Amino acid sequence: MLLIKTNKDTLLKPLQTVAGIIERRQAYPILSNVLIRQDQEKTTFLASDSDIQIKTEITPSLASDQRFSMTIAAKKMLDILRSLSNDGEVQLVRQDDHLQVKFGKSMFSLQILPAEDFPEIVETSEPEAVVTLSQKTLKSLLHHVQFCVAQQNIRYYMNGLLLSTHETQLTGVSTDGHRLALLTTQLNEKQPKQEVIVPRKTAVELSKLLADSDDPVKIEYFQKKIRFSFSGIVLISKIIEGKFPDYNRVIPLNNDKTFEIDRATLLQSLQRVSILSNVSENFRGVRLIVSTENLCIICKNSEQEEAQEELEIDYQGDKLDVSMNITYLMDLLNNVGSEKVRLAFENENNSILVTIPGNDEFKYIVMPMRI
């Protein structure tokens, strides 16, 4: 029975949209599949890993009026479609419990699993709060903070990104216990106070799917889930339950020893000296010696090898000798697109505050380390 007859890209694009969350190794085989459902008006593609679900729909003519619902191996289907040329039509034909993918003289037969066994996430209650903003605004917020999210931390609430709404502000915060990134953006309408912790995987996948455009994204908060709707895509995710640390207490208020520096110049210097840093990420220390109009950057390793660079800066305060994890500083400089950054210190032992000149909405705090 012919189910679909169309060009390759018509099928490839929605599959690529939903398949990013699918892991190759799943506890349940059906979670390696994508659910494809077609009625008279649209064709729906849906994938899930039991914690996150992504759904998208297409409405072009698929040269078939068949109604059907089935699941097939997502990664295999993607690999097949990617291997085909752009010329010609793809036919999906159901043959008992298999789906035949036909293209010219090529034919692939994939096993079908029952659609009714697919664990679709359905939210029937009304959202507790709804926020609408542009896709590029949310994409920028996620980009500026998600690199600080912890991975497999025993403090499970750190394995996600906090989204906090209050009045006309949406704030994104992440921390791994050694550093913290925060970005606040303005909303068009007042919102009730709402805080949810979005899993790291959700934030990463959302960043990939959001467009750098003014098109809207709607965020709906539920008791144990959060839903993002944009550009024909609906992403539903479970949230991490728990209390996120009070990030306002971490922001230093007395860091009055400051200087600004070109972001790219500082990053390139750090990349060079990091060649002789220790291999272990936990001990990849760098010394920043700040003195009048001079920044000296030093890296040493356990073999007593050393790399050193000096940069001119506009600084007239007390001399400082501060050590920190070089990876944390490079992560920041790689993820912030500003021309300059401002480093602010209180003393050699307290946390360092990094901001963007002229932008009070972004803050990055990193703890010093002893080398």
Protein backbone atom coordinates (compact mmCIF):
# COMPACT_ATOMS: atom_id res chain seq x y z
CA MET A 1 0.00 0.00 0.00
CA LEU A 2 1.48 3.35 -1.08
CA LEU A 3 1.58 5.75 1.87
CA ILE A 4 3.65 8.69 0.67
CA LYS A 5 5.15 9.78 -2.63
CA THR A 6 7.20 12.97 -2.49
CA ASN A 7 10.69 14.43 -2.88
CA LYS A 8 13.50 13.61 -0.46
CA ASP A 9 13.73 16.95 1.33
CA THR A 10 10.04 16.95 2.22
CA LEU A 11 10.71 13.95 4.45
CA LEU A 12 14.28 14.73 5.45
CA LYS A 13 13.69 18.14 7.01
CA PRO A 14 11.03 17.13 9.59
CA LEU A 15 12.98 13.99 10.44
CA GLN A 16 16.09 16.06 11.14
CA THR A 17 14.01 18.38 13.30
CA VAL A 18 12.72 15.70 15.65
CA ALA A 19 15.49 13.09 15.61
CA GLY A 20 18.12 15.10 17.49
CA ILE A 21 16.88 13.89 20.89
CA ILE A 22 16.94 10.20 19.97
CA GLU A 23 19.77 8.20 21.54
CA ARG A 24 21.16 5.22 19.65
CA ARG A 25 20.96 3.06 22.77
CA GLN A 26 17.52 3.04 24.32
CA ALA A 27 16.04 0.99 27.14
CA TYR A 28 12.90 0.59 25.03
CA PRO A 29 13.39 -0.13 21.31
CA ILE A 30 10.42 1.96 20.25
CA LEU A 31 12.13 5.11 21.59
CA SER A 32 14.68 4.69 18.79
CA ASN A 33 11.79 5.16 16.38
CA VAL A 34 10.00 8.19 15.02
CA LEU A 35 6.20 8.23 14.98
CA ILE A 36 4.77 9.24 11.59
CA ARG A 37 1.06 9.97 11.48
CA GLN A 38 -0.92 11.21 8.49
CA ASP A 39 -4.49 12.40 8.17
CA GLN A 40 -6.22 14.32 5.38
CA GLU A 41 -4.68 17.68 6.32
CA LYS A 42 -1.14 17.05 7.58
CA THR A 43 1.65 14.62 8.29
CA THR A 44 3.05 14.61 11.82
CA PHE A 45 6.57 13.53 12.85
CA LEU A 46 7.18 12.89 16.55
CA ALA A 47 10.20 11.68 18.54
CA SER A 48 10.72 11.16 22.27
CA ASP A 49 13.29 9.97 24.78
CA SER A 50 10.58 9.76 27.52
CA ASP A 51 11.77 13.07 29.06
CA ILE A 52 11.71 15.27 25.96
CA GLN A 53 9.33 15.14 23.01
CA ILE A 54 9.57 17.04 19.72
CA LYS A 55 6.74 17.21 17.19
CA THR A 56 6.53 18.93 13.84
CA GLU A 57 4.00 18.88 11.03
CA ILE A 58 4.09 19.33 7.27
CA THR A 59 1.14 20.09 5.04
CA PRO A 60 2.35 19.77 1.44
CA SER A 61 0.78 17.41 -1.05
CA LEU A 62 2.31 13.99 -0.54
CA ALA A 63 0.55 12.38 -3.51
CA SER A 64 -1.43 10.09 -1.22
CA ASP A 65 -4.68 10.42 0.73
CA GLN A 66 -3.96 7.45 2.97
CA ARG A 67 -4.50 7.81 6.70
CA PHE A 68 -1.92 5.91 8.69
CA SER A 69 0.12 5.83 11.87
CA MET A 70 3.39 3.92 12.34
CA THR A 71 6.85 4.07 13.88
CA ILE A 72 10.16 3.35 12.13
CA ALA A 73 13.83 3.52 13.10
CA ALA A 74 14.68 7.22 13.00
CA LYS A 75 18.46 7.06 12.51
CA LYS A 76 18.20 4.41 9.78
CA MET A 77 15.55 6.42 7.95
CA LEU A 78 17.70 9.54 8.18
CA ASP A 79 20.78 7.74 6.87
CA ILE A 80 18.77 6.35 3.96
CA LEU A 81 17.33 9.71 2.95
CA ARG A 82 20.71 11.45 3.25
CA SER A 83 22.29 8.86 0.98
CA LEU A 84 19.82 9.54 -1.85
CA SER A 85 20.39 12.06 -4.62
CA ASN A 86 18.21 15.15 -4.89
CA ASP A 87 16.62 14.08 -8.17
CA GLY A 88 13.59 11.85 -8.18
CA GLU A 89 10.76 10.91 -5.83
CA VAL A 90 10.76 8.84 -2.68
CA GLN A 91 7.95 6.35 -2.18
CA LEU A 92 6.99 4.91 1.20
CA VAL A 93 5.11 1.65 0.76
CA ARG A 94 3.73 -0.47 3.60
CA GLN A 95 4.23 -4.19 3.20
CA ASP A 96 2.79 -6.03 6.21
CA ASP A 97 5.00 -5.13 9.21
CA HIS A 98 7.69 -3.46 7.09
CA LEU A 99 8.02 -0.09 5.38
CA GLN A 100 9.65 -0.08 1.97
CA VAL A 101 11.56 3.07 1.02
CA LYS A 102 11.81 3.18 -2.78
CA PHE A 103 13.89 5.58 -4.82
CA GLY A 104 14.62 4.84 -8.45
CA LYS A 105 16.11 1.34 -8.51
CA SER A 106 16.95 1.41 -4.77
CA MET A 107 14.73 -0.20 -2.14
CA PHE A 108 15.14 -0.39 1.65
CA SER A 109 12.86 -2.41 3.92
CA LEU A 110 12.50 -1.19 7.52
CA GLN A 111 10.68 -2.86 10.38
CA ILE A 112 7.54 -1.13 11.67
CA LEU A 113 6.57 -1.08 15.35
CA PRO A 114 2.97 -0.35 16.41
CA ALA A 115 2.13 3.33 16.79
CA GLU A 116 -0.10 2.62 19.78
CA ASP A 117 2.97 1.48 21.74
CA PHE A 118 4.73 4.84 21.30
CA PRO A 119 4.85 6.76 24.63
CA GLU A 120 3.50 10.09 23.47
CA ILE A 121 3.59 12.92 26.03
CA VAL A 122 0.25 14.71 26.18
CA GLU A 123 -0.41 17.71 28.43
CA THR A 124 -4.14 18.20 29.01
CA SER A 125 -4.10 20.81 31.79
CA GLU A 126 -4.00 24.56 31.27
CA PRO A 127 -0.58 26.23 31.57
CA GLU A 128 0.22 28.09 34.77
CA ALA A 129 1.94 30.87 32.81
CA VAL A 130 2.56 31.76 29.17
CA VAL A 131 5.46 33.86 27.85
CA THR A 132 5.97 34.96 24.24
CA LEU A 133 9.20 36.42 22.88
CA SER A 134 11.23 36.34 19.69
CA GLN A 135 13.16 33.23 18.77
CA LYS A 136 16.45 35.12 18.46
CA THR A 137 16.03 36.53 21.99
CA LEU A 138 15.52 33.11 23.55
CA LYS A 139 18.27 31.61 21.39
CA SER A 140 20.70 34.30 22.59
CA LEU A 141 19.73 33.74 26.22
CA LEU A 142 20.33 29.99 25.98
CA HIS A 143 23.60 30.47 24.13
CA HIS A 144 25.00 32.80 26.78
CA VAL A 145 24.32 30.55 29.77
CA GLN A 146 23.96 26.88 28.80
CA PHE A 147 27.71 26.20 28.65
CA CYS A 148 27.83 26.47 32.47
CA VAL A 149 25.29 23.73 33.10
CA ALA A 150 26.74 20.88 35.14
CA GLN A 151 26.83 17.36 33.75
CA GLN A 152 25.87 14.45 36.00
CA ASN A 153 26.32 16.48 39.17
CA ILE A 154 25.05 14.79 42.33
CA ARG A 155 23.28 18.09 43.03
CA TYR A 156 20.73 17.26 40.36
CA TYR A 157 19.29 20.79 40.19
CA MET A 158 22.60 21.94 38.70
CA ASN A 159 22.17 19.60 35.72
CA GLY A 160 19.74 22.07 34.20
CA LEU A 161 19.22 25.70 33.30
CA LEU A 162 17.00 27.94 35.37
CA LEU A 163 14.37 29.98 33.52
CA SER A 164 12.90 32.60 35.83
CA THR A 165 10.14 35.04 34.92
CA HIS A 166 9.17 38.00 37.08
CA GLU A 167 7.40 41.19 36.12
CA THR A 168 8.81 42.08 32.67
CA GLN A 169 12.01 40.04 32.89
CA LEU A 170 13.03 36.57 31.79
CA THR A 171 16.30 35.41 33.34
CA GLY A 172 18.38 32.39 32.41
CA VAL A 173 20.92 31.07 34.92
CA SER A 174 23.26 28.07 34.99
CA THR A 175 26.03 26.95 37.34
CA ASP A 176 28.22 23.92 37.99
CA GLY A 177 29.27 25.06 41.45
CA HIS A 178 32.52 26.67 40.27
CA ARG A 179 31.13 29.27 37.87
CA LEU A 180 27.80 30.88 37.06
CA ALA A 181 26.36 32.55 33.96
CA LEU A 182 23.32 34.81 34.00
CA LEU A 183 21.47 36.73 31.31
CA THR A 184 18.31 38.79 31.71
CA THR A 185 16.07 39.85 28.85
CA GLN A 186 13.05 42.15 28.79
CA LEU A 187 9.52 40.95 28.06
CA ASN A 188 6.67 42.92 26.54
CA GLU A 189 4.15 42.02 29.24
CA LYS A 190 4.24 41.56 33.00
CA GLN A 191 4.42 37.96 34.15
CA PRO A 192 3.84 36.22 37.49
CA LYS A 193 6.93 34.93 39.29
CA GLN A 194 7.73 31.50 37.85
CA GLU A 195 10.87 29.38 38.06
CA VAL A 196 11.61 26.10 36.29
CA ILE A 197 14.82 24.13 35.78
CA VAL A 198 15.12 22.95 32.18
CA PRO A 199 17.33 19.86 31.62
CA ARG A 200 20.63 20.46 29.85
CA LYS A 201 19.65 18.26 26.89
CA THR A 202 16.45 20.26 26.40
CA ALA A 203 18.34 23.56 26.37
CA VAL A 204 20.92 22.27 23.88
CA GLU A 205 18.29 20.87 21.51
CA LEU A 206 16.19 24.00 21.76
CA SER A 207 19.21 26.14 20.83
CA LYS A 208 19.66 24.08 17.67
CA LEU A 209 16.03 24.39 16.59
CA LEU A 210 15.39 28.07 17.30
CA ALA A 211 15.91 30.45 14.40
CA ASP A 212 17.85 33.70 14.62
CA SER A 213 14.73 35.66 13.71
CA ASP A 214 11.98 37.83 15.15
CA ASP A 215 9.44 35.03 14.70
CA PRO A 216 7.72 34.26 18.02
CA VAL A 217 8.25 31.37 20.41
CA LYS A 218 5.60 30.62 23.03
CA ILE A 219 6.74 29.21 26.36
CA GLU A 220 4.08 27.49 28.45
CA TYR A 221 4.79 26.53 32.06
CA PHE A 222 3.06 23.50 33.57
CA GLN A 223 3.45 21.93 36.99
CA LYS A 224 6.03 19.35 35.90
CA LYS A 225 6.61 20.21 32.24
CA ILE A 226 7.45 23.10 29.97
CA ARG A 227 6.34 23.50 26.34
CA PHE A 228 7.97 25.56 23.59
CA SER A 229 6.00 26.22 20.38
CA PHE A 230 7.59 27.90 17.35
CA SER A 231 7.79 27.60 13.55
CA GLY A 232 5.54 24.54 13.43
CA ILE A 233 7.59 22.77 16.12
CA VAL A 234 6.34 21.79 19.58
CA LEU A 235 8.93 20.72 22.16
CA ILE A 236 7.67 19.37 25.48
CA SER A 237 10.12 18.62 28.27
CA LYS A 238 9.92 17.40 31.81
CA ILE A 239 11.53 19.81 34.25
CA ILE A 240 14.03 19.07 37.00
CA GLU A 241 12.33 19.22 40.36
CA GLY A 242 14.22 20.94 43.14
CA LYS A 243 15.25 24.36 44.38
CA PHE A 244 17.85 26.21 42.32
CA PRO A 245 20.49 28.05 44.40
CA ASP A 246 19.89 31.73 45.17
CA TYR A 247 22.06 33.11 42.37
CA ASN A 248 21.73 36.71 43.54
CA ARG A 249 23.84 35.90 46.61
CA VAL A 250 26.70 34.77 44.35
CA ILE A 251 26.98 38.01 42.35
CA PRO A 252 29.89 40.04 43.78
CA LEU A 253 29.10 43.65 44.67
CA ASN A 254 32.54 45.02 45.60
CA ASN A 255 34.65 44.14 42.57
CA ASP A 256 36.02 47.63 41.92
CA LYS A 257 39.37 46.70 40.32
CA THR A 258 38.45 46.48 36.64
CA PHE A 259 39.82 46.57 33.14
CA GLU A 260 38.43 46.01 29.67
CA ILE A 261 40.14 43.91 27.02
CA ASP A 262 39.50 42.79 23.47
CA ARG A 263 37.73 39.43 23.67
CA ALA A 264 39.39 37.83 20.63
CA THR A 265 42.87 38.97 21.69
CA LEU A 266 42.46 37.52 25.18
CA LEU A 267 41.03 34.27 23.80
CA GLN A 268 43.90 33.80 21.36
CA SER A 269 46.46 34.40 24.12
CA LEU A 270 44.74 31.87 26.38
CA GLN A 271 44.59 29.32 23.57
CA ARG A 272 48.34 29.65 23.03
CA VAL A 273 49.42 29.39 26.67
CA SER A 274 46.94 26.53 27.26
CA ILE A 275 49.16 24.34 25.07
CA LEU A 276 51.38 23.90 28.13
CA SER A 277 48.60 23.57 30.69
CA ASN A 278 47.85 20.32 32.48
CA VAL A 279 45.78 17.78 30.55
CA SER A 280 43.27 17.28 33.37
CA GLU A 281 40.45 19.80 33.09
CA ASN A 282 40.14 20.01 36.89
CA PHE A 283 43.69 21.34 37.20
CA ARG A 284 44.05 23.44 34.04
CA GLY A 285 45.08 26.53 35.92
CA VAL A 286 46.12 29.89 34.50
CA ARG A 287 47.65 32.83 36.40
CA LEU A 288 46.52 36.33 35.58
CA ILE A 289 48.96 38.89 36.94
CA VAL A 290 47.33 42.30 36.66
CA SER A 291 49.52 45.37 37.12
CA THR A 292 49.67 48.92 35.81
CA GLU A 293 48.83 48.81 32.09
CA ASN A 294 49.87 45.15 31.87
CA LEU A 295 48.26 41.72 31.97
CA CYS A 296 50.63 38.75 32.25
CA ILE A 297 49.15 35.32 31.46
CA ILE A 298 51.08 32.26 32.69
CA CYS A 299 50.43 28.54 32.32
CA LYS A 300 52.53 25.76 33.85
CA ASN A 301 52.17 22.01 33.85
CA SER A 302 53.33 19.14 36.06
CA GLU A 303 56.45 18.71 33.87
CA GLN A 304 57.53 22.22 34.95
CA GLU A 305 57.01 23.58 31.43
CA GLU A 306 55.75 27.12 31.15
CA ALA A 307 54.06 29.45 28.65
CA GLN A 308 53.73 33.20 29.15
CA GLU A 309 52.14 36.11 27.30
CA GLU A 310 51.76 39.81 28.09
CA LEU A 311 49.01 42.14 26.93
CA GLU A 312 48.62 45.89 27.34
CA ILE A 313 45.55 46.97 29.33
CA ASP A 314 44.16 50.22 30.71
CA TYR A 315 44.52 49.48 34.43
CA GLN A 316 45.86 51.70 37.23
CA GLY A 317 44.87 49.82 40.41
CA ASP A 318 46.65 47.56 42.89
CA LYS A 319 48.62 44.60 41.57
CA LEU A 320 46.68 41.33 41.49
CA ASP A 321 47.84 37.73 41.08
CA VAL A 322 44.77 35.58 40.44
CA SER A 323 44.57 31.93 39.37
CA MET A 324 41.57 30.30 37.75
CA ASN A 325 40.62 27.34 35.59
CA ILE A 326 41.61 28.33 32.06
CA THR A 327 38.82 26.20 30.58
CA TYR A 328 36.19 28.28 32.40
CA LEU A 329 37.58 31.51 30.97
CA MET A 330 37.94 30.15 27.45
CA ASP A 331 34.38 28.74 27.54
CA LEU A 332 33.10 32.21 28.26
CA LEU A 333 35.12 33.90 25.52
CA ASN A 334 34.02 31.28 22.99
CA ASN A 335 30.33 31.77 23.78
CA VAL A 336 30.12 35.54 24.07
CA GLY A 337 30.17 37.42 20.78
CA SER A 338 30.97 40.88 22.13
CA GLU A 339 33.99 42.84 20.94
CA LYS A 340 35.26 43.47 24.48
CA VAL A 341 34.82 42.00 27.95
CA ARG A 342 35.30 43.60 31.36
CA LEU A 343 37.03 41.71 34.18
CA ALA A 344 36.35 42.92 37.73
CA PHE A 345 38.14 41.83 40.91
CA GLU A 346 37.78 42.57 44.61
CA ASN A 347 40.98 40.82 45.66
CA GLU A 348 43.01 37.72 44.80
CA ASN A 349 40.81 35.30 46.76
CA ASN A 350 37.24 36.25 45.89
CA SER A 351 35.24 35.43 42.78
CA ILE A 352 35.87 37.24 39.49
CA LEU A 353 33.04 39.03 37.71
CA VAL A 354 33.11 39.17 33.91
CA THR A 355 30.62 41.37 32.06
CA ILE A 356 30.10 42.92 28.64
CA PRO A 357 30.76 46.69 28.49
CA GLY A 358 27.50 48.54 27.94
CA ASN A 359 25.40 45.45 28.72
CA ASP A 360 24.19 45.10 32.31
CA GLU A 361 22.05 42.07 31.47
CA PHE A 362 24.90 39.53 31.27
CA LYS A 363 27.07 38.39 34.18
CA TYR A 364 29.63 35.61 34.49
CA ILE A 365 31.10 34.70 37.87
CA VAL A 366 34.02 32.31 38.29
CA MET A 367 35.75 31.20 41.46
CA PRO A 368 39.53 31.49 41.73
CA MET A 369 41.65 28.39 42.28
CA ARG A 370 44.96 27.63 43.95
CA ILE A 371 47.71 26.35 41.67
